[in-house]
N, C-alpha and C. Protein backbone atom coordinates (compact mmCIF):
# COMPACT_ATOMS: atom_id res chain seq x y z
N MET A 1 -40.44 -47.91 74.09
CA MET A 1 -41.86 -48.33 74.62
C MET A 1 -43.05 -48.05 73.87
N GLU A 2 -43.87 -49.24 73.80
CA GLU A 2 -45.34 -48.87 73.03
C GLU A 2 -46.44 -48.71 73.90
N ILE A 3 -47.07 -47.67 73.55
CA ILE A 3 -48.38 -47.35 74.35
C ILE A 3 -49.39 -47.71 73.44
N ASN A 4 -50.51 -48.53 73.90
CA ASN A 4 -51.73 -48.55 72.97
C ASN A 4 -52.90 -48.01 73.34
N ILE A 5 -53.02 -46.79 72.76
CA ILE A 5 -54.35 -46.06 73.30
C ILE A 5 -55.41 -45.78 72.20
N LYS A 6 -56.28 -45.85 72.31
CA LYS A 6 -57.35 -45.67 71.46
C LYS A 6 -57.22 -44.18 70.98
N PRO A 7 -57.11 -43.91 69.52
CA PRO A 7 -57.15 -42.72 68.89
C PRO A 7 -58.18 -41.70 69.42
N GLY A 8 -57.94 -40.59 69.45
CA GLY A 8 -58.93 -39.68 70.20
C GLY A 8 -58.41 -38.20 70.86
N LYS A 9 -59.24 -37.82 71.34
CA LYS A 9 -58.84 -36.35 72.22
C LYS A 9 -58.56 -36.76 73.62
N TYR A 10 -57.47 -36.20 74.38
CA TYR A 10 -57.28 -36.70 75.62
C TYR A 10 -56.91 -35.50 76.43
N VAL A 11 -57.18 -35.19 77.68
CA VAL A 11 -56.82 -34.23 78.53
C VAL A 11 -55.71 -34.94 79.33
N VAL A 12 -54.41 -34.45 79.42
CA VAL A 12 -53.38 -34.77 80.07
C VAL A 12 -53.09 -33.89 81.31
N ALA A 13 -53.28 -34.39 82.64
CA ALA A 13 -53.02 -33.66 83.80
C ALA A 13 -51.55 -33.63 84.05
N VAL A 14 -50.66 -32.33 83.76
CA VAL A 14 -49.55 -32.51 84.07
C VAL A 14 -49.11 -31.64 85.37
N SER A 15 -48.45 -32.05 86.30
CA SER A 15 -48.19 -31.45 87.43
C SER A 15 -46.77 -30.67 87.47
N GLY A 16 -46.02 -30.94 86.32
CA GLY A 16 -44.64 -30.42 86.31
C GLY A 16 -43.73 -31.35 86.91
N GLY A 17 -43.96 -32.54 87.40
CA GLY A 17 -43.17 -33.41 88.08
C GLY A 17 -42.44 -34.15 86.91
N VAL A 18 -41.47 -35.06 87.04
CA VAL A 18 -40.76 -36.03 86.25
C VAL A 18 -41.82 -36.91 85.55
N ASP A 19 -42.55 -37.72 86.16
CA ASP A 19 -43.62 -38.63 86.02
C ASP A 19 -44.39 -37.97 84.84
N SER A 20 -45.22 -36.79 85.36
CA SER A 20 -46.20 -36.35 84.54
C SER A 20 -45.82 -35.86 83.00
N VAL A 21 -44.57 -35.27 83.14
CA VAL A 21 -43.69 -34.63 81.96
C VAL A 21 -43.42 -35.81 80.97
N VAL A 22 -42.99 -36.79 81.73
CA VAL A 22 -42.56 -38.05 80.84
C VAL A 22 -43.78 -38.66 80.01
N LEU A 23 -44.75 -38.77 80.83
CA LEU A 23 -46.22 -39.24 80.35
C LEU A 23 -46.41 -38.60 79.20
N LEU A 24 -46.45 -37.23 79.40
CA LEU A 24 -46.84 -36.43 78.13
C LEU A 24 -45.96 -36.58 77.10
N ASP A 25 -44.82 -36.65 77.13
CA ASP A 25 -43.79 -36.81 76.03
C ASP A 25 -44.07 -38.08 75.47
N LEU A 26 -44.51 -39.19 76.16
CA LEU A 26 -44.65 -40.60 75.69
C LEU A 26 -46.07 -40.55 74.76
N LEU A 27 -46.69 -39.81 75.42
CA LEU A 27 -48.20 -39.72 74.57
C LEU A 27 -47.99 -38.71 73.27
N ARG A 28 -47.48 -37.95 73.32
CA ARG A 28 -47.16 -36.97 72.38
C ARG A 28 -46.62 -37.61 71.08
N GLN A 29 -45.85 -38.74 71.13
CA GLN A 29 -45.30 -39.29 70.12
C GLN A 29 -46.18 -40.32 69.33
N ASN A 30 -47.63 -40.48 69.93
CA ASN A 30 -48.61 -41.11 69.18
C ASN A 30 -49.52 -40.02 68.26
N LYS A 31 -49.23 -39.88 66.92
CA LYS A 31 -49.75 -38.90 66.19
C LYS A 31 -51.21 -39.22 66.23
N ASP A 32 -51.92 -40.10 66.46
CA ASP A 32 -53.45 -40.32 66.54
C ASP A 32 -53.95 -39.65 67.66
N LEU A 33 -53.29 -39.18 68.66
CA LEU A 33 -53.58 -38.43 69.85
C LEU A 33 -53.88 -36.99 69.81
N GLU A 34 -54.90 -36.60 70.09
CA GLU A 34 -55.06 -34.85 70.09
C GLU A 34 -54.84 -34.64 71.61
N LEU A 35 -53.80 -34.00 72.21
CA LEU A 35 -53.49 -33.71 73.53
C LEU A 35 -53.84 -32.50 73.79
N VAL A 36 -54.45 -32.58 75.02
CA VAL A 36 -54.78 -31.21 75.57
C VAL A 36 -53.89 -30.90 76.96
N VAL A 37 -53.11 -30.31 77.30
CA VAL A 37 -52.38 -30.13 78.83
C VAL A 37 -53.18 -29.41 79.60
N ALA A 38 -53.44 -29.87 80.97
CA ALA A 38 -53.94 -29.13 82.09
C ALA A 38 -53.23 -29.27 83.37
N HIS A 39 -53.15 -28.13 84.01
CA HIS A 39 -52.47 -27.89 84.95
C HIS A 39 -53.40 -27.23 86.21
N PHE A 40 -53.10 -27.88 87.50
CA PHE A 40 -53.96 -26.94 88.69
C PHE A 40 -52.77 -26.80 89.70
N ASP A 41 -52.83 -25.30 90.05
CA ASP A 41 -51.81 -24.85 90.96
C ASP A 41 -52.39 -24.97 92.16
N HIS A 42 -52.27 -25.77 92.94
CA HIS A 42 -52.69 -26.09 94.25
C HIS A 42 -52.42 -25.05 95.49
N GLY A 43 -51.45 -24.18 95.44
CA GLY A 43 -50.81 -23.16 96.33
C GLY A 43 -50.54 -23.67 97.31
N ILE A 44 -50.25 -25.03 97.52
CA ILE A 44 -49.80 -25.54 98.84
C ILE A 44 -48.31 -24.97 99.13
N ARG A 45 -47.45 -24.93 98.09
CA ARG A 45 -46.11 -24.77 98.20
C ARG A 45 -45.85 -23.31 97.70
N SER A 46 -44.98 -22.41 98.41
CA SER A 46 -44.56 -21.04 97.98
C SER A 46 -44.14 -20.78 96.50
N ASN A 47 -43.90 -21.89 95.99
CA ASN A 47 -42.96 -21.66 94.66
C ASN A 47 -44.15 -22.50 93.72
N SER A 48 -45.19 -22.81 93.91
CA SER A 48 -46.03 -23.75 93.26
C SER A 48 -46.47 -23.17 91.76
N ALA A 49 -46.19 -21.60 91.47
CA ALA A 49 -46.42 -21.07 90.41
C ALA A 49 -45.43 -21.28 89.46
N ALA A 50 -44.21 -21.71 90.03
CA ALA A 50 -43.17 -22.28 88.79
C ALA A 50 -43.60 -23.20 88.38
N ASP A 51 -44.27 -24.30 88.84
CA ASP A 51 -44.75 -25.50 88.13
C ASP A 51 -45.57 -25.06 87.12
N ARG A 52 -46.44 -24.30 87.28
CA ARG A 52 -47.18 -23.92 86.20
C ARG A 52 -46.70 -23.30 85.01
N PHE A 53 -45.73 -22.73 85.15
CA PHE A 53 -44.72 -21.92 84.22
C PHE A 53 -43.99 -22.91 83.61
N LEU A 54 -43.58 -24.06 84.10
CA LEU A 54 -42.75 -25.25 83.35
C LEU A 54 -43.72 -25.72 82.53
N VAL A 55 -44.76 -26.15 83.09
CA VAL A 55 -45.86 -26.91 82.18
C VAL A 55 -46.53 -26.43 81.20
N GLU A 56 -46.46 -24.70 81.32
CA GLU A 56 -46.88 -23.99 80.19
C GLU A 56 -46.05 -23.73 79.15
N GLN A 57 -44.74 -23.78 79.52
CA GLN A 57 -43.72 -23.83 78.32
C GLN A 57 -43.53 -25.02 77.88
N VAL A 58 -43.87 -26.16 78.46
CA VAL A 58 -43.75 -27.45 77.90
C VAL A 58 -44.94 -27.48 76.74
N ALA A 59 -45.94 -27.35 77.06
CA ALA A 59 -47.08 -27.41 76.16
C ALA A 59 -46.71 -26.39 74.92
N LYS A 60 -46.14 -25.19 75.06
CA LYS A 60 -45.95 -24.36 74.13
C LYS A 60 -45.11 -24.87 73.13
N ARG A 61 -43.89 -25.45 73.78
CA ARG A 61 -42.86 -26.06 72.88
C ARG A 61 -43.29 -27.20 72.02
N HIS A 62 -44.51 -27.95 72.33
CA HIS A 62 -44.85 -28.93 71.66
C HIS A 62 -46.06 -28.37 70.81
N LYS A 63 -46.67 -27.20 71.12
CA LYS A 63 -47.93 -26.52 70.30
C LYS A 63 -49.00 -27.24 70.65
N LEU A 64 -49.20 -27.40 71.99
CA LEU A 64 -50.33 -28.09 72.62
C LEU A 64 -51.15 -27.20 73.53
N PRO A 65 -52.56 -27.28 73.37
CA PRO A 65 -53.52 -26.22 74.14
C PRO A 65 -53.00 -26.65 75.49
N PHE A 66 -53.09 -25.51 76.08
CA PHE A 66 -52.76 -25.24 77.69
C PHE A 66 -53.86 -24.73 78.51
N TYR A 67 -54.29 -25.39 79.56
CA TYR A 67 -55.24 -24.89 80.42
C TYR A 67 -54.89 -24.98 81.87
N HIS A 68 -55.04 -23.93 82.64
CA HIS A 68 -54.73 -24.08 84.12
C HIS A 68 -55.82 -23.43 85.10
N ASP A 69 -55.81 -23.87 86.23
CA ASP A 69 -56.37 -23.05 87.19
C ASP A 69 -55.88 -23.36 88.49
N GLU A 70 -56.08 -22.39 89.56
CA GLU A 70 -55.36 -22.31 90.72
C GLU A 70 -56.52 -22.07 91.85
N GLY A 71 -55.91 -22.77 92.89
CA GLY A 71 -56.68 -22.69 94.28
C GLY A 71 -55.63 -22.26 95.30
N ASN A 72 -56.08 -22.20 96.41
CA ASN A 72 -55.50 -21.62 97.64
C ASN A 72 -55.72 -22.70 98.67
N LEU A 73 -55.20 -23.94 98.29
CA LEU A 73 -55.36 -24.85 99.44
C LEU A 73 -54.47 -24.71 100.63
N GLY A 74 -53.25 -24.27 100.41
CA GLY A 74 -52.61 -23.65 101.45
C GLY A 74 -52.01 -24.86 102.45
N LEU A 75 -50.99 -24.43 103.04
CA LEU A 75 -50.41 -25.60 103.91
C LEU A 75 -51.28 -25.83 105.19
N MET A 76 -52.09 -24.88 105.82
CA MET A 76 -52.74 -24.94 106.67
C MET A 76 -54.01 -25.69 106.63
N GLN A 77 -54.50 -25.58 105.43
CA GLN A 77 -55.95 -26.25 105.11
C GLN A 77 -55.63 -27.65 104.77
N VAL A 78 -54.23 -27.64 104.24
CA VAL A 78 -54.09 -29.36 103.87
C VAL A 78 -53.90 -29.90 105.30
N LYS A 79 -53.25 -29.35 106.45
CA LYS A 79 -52.86 -30.09 107.75
C LYS A 79 -54.12 -30.25 108.36
N GLN A 80 -55.24 -29.38 108.15
CA GLN A 80 -56.37 -29.44 108.98
C GLN A 80 -57.29 -30.82 108.39
N ARG A 81 -57.27 -30.84 106.89
CA ARG A 81 -58.12 -31.84 106.27
C ARG A 81 -57.15 -33.25 106.56
N LEU A 82 -56.02 -33.26 106.92
CA LEU A 82 -55.52 -34.53 107.16
C LEU A 82 -55.63 -34.78 108.60
N GLU A 83 -55.74 -33.92 109.50
CA GLU A 83 -56.19 -34.04 110.93
C GLU A 83 -57.69 -34.49 110.75
N LEU A 84 -58.50 -33.86 110.18
CA LEU A 84 -59.90 -34.26 110.02
C LEU A 84 -59.90 -35.72 109.75
N ASN A 85 -59.58 -36.21 108.52
CA ASN A 85 -59.55 -37.50 108.08
C ASN A 85 -58.87 -38.49 108.78
N ALA A 86 -57.85 -38.09 109.81
CA ALA A 86 -57.17 -39.12 110.80
C ALA A 86 -58.09 -39.20 111.91
N MET A 87 -58.98 -38.06 112.25
CA MET A 87 -59.95 -38.38 113.53
C MET A 87 -61.10 -39.07 112.85
N ASN A 88 -61.41 -39.18 111.63
CA ASN A 88 -62.66 -40.09 110.98
C ASN A 88 -62.12 -41.43 110.68
N PHE A 89 -61.11 -41.80 110.76
CA PHE A 89 -60.23 -42.98 110.19
C PHE A 89 -60.70 -43.79 111.04
């Protein structure tokens, strides 16, 4: 597969899921790209920290800079937002 992307520096948001990890791997094959890996731990699932660890390990393996942040969206906050959005729809 050939991806034509203008040479430069890009921040790649990687969730730890298959899609974003494969995207990072494809982009990494283009030597004209300077990649930075970013991850946000949303705190929705009790095991979401494991996603951050996986993404960090992938970044280290490929010697890519890794940045992360975390929030505490929590399941209740997500449910409340969905209910509010549904009422405003």
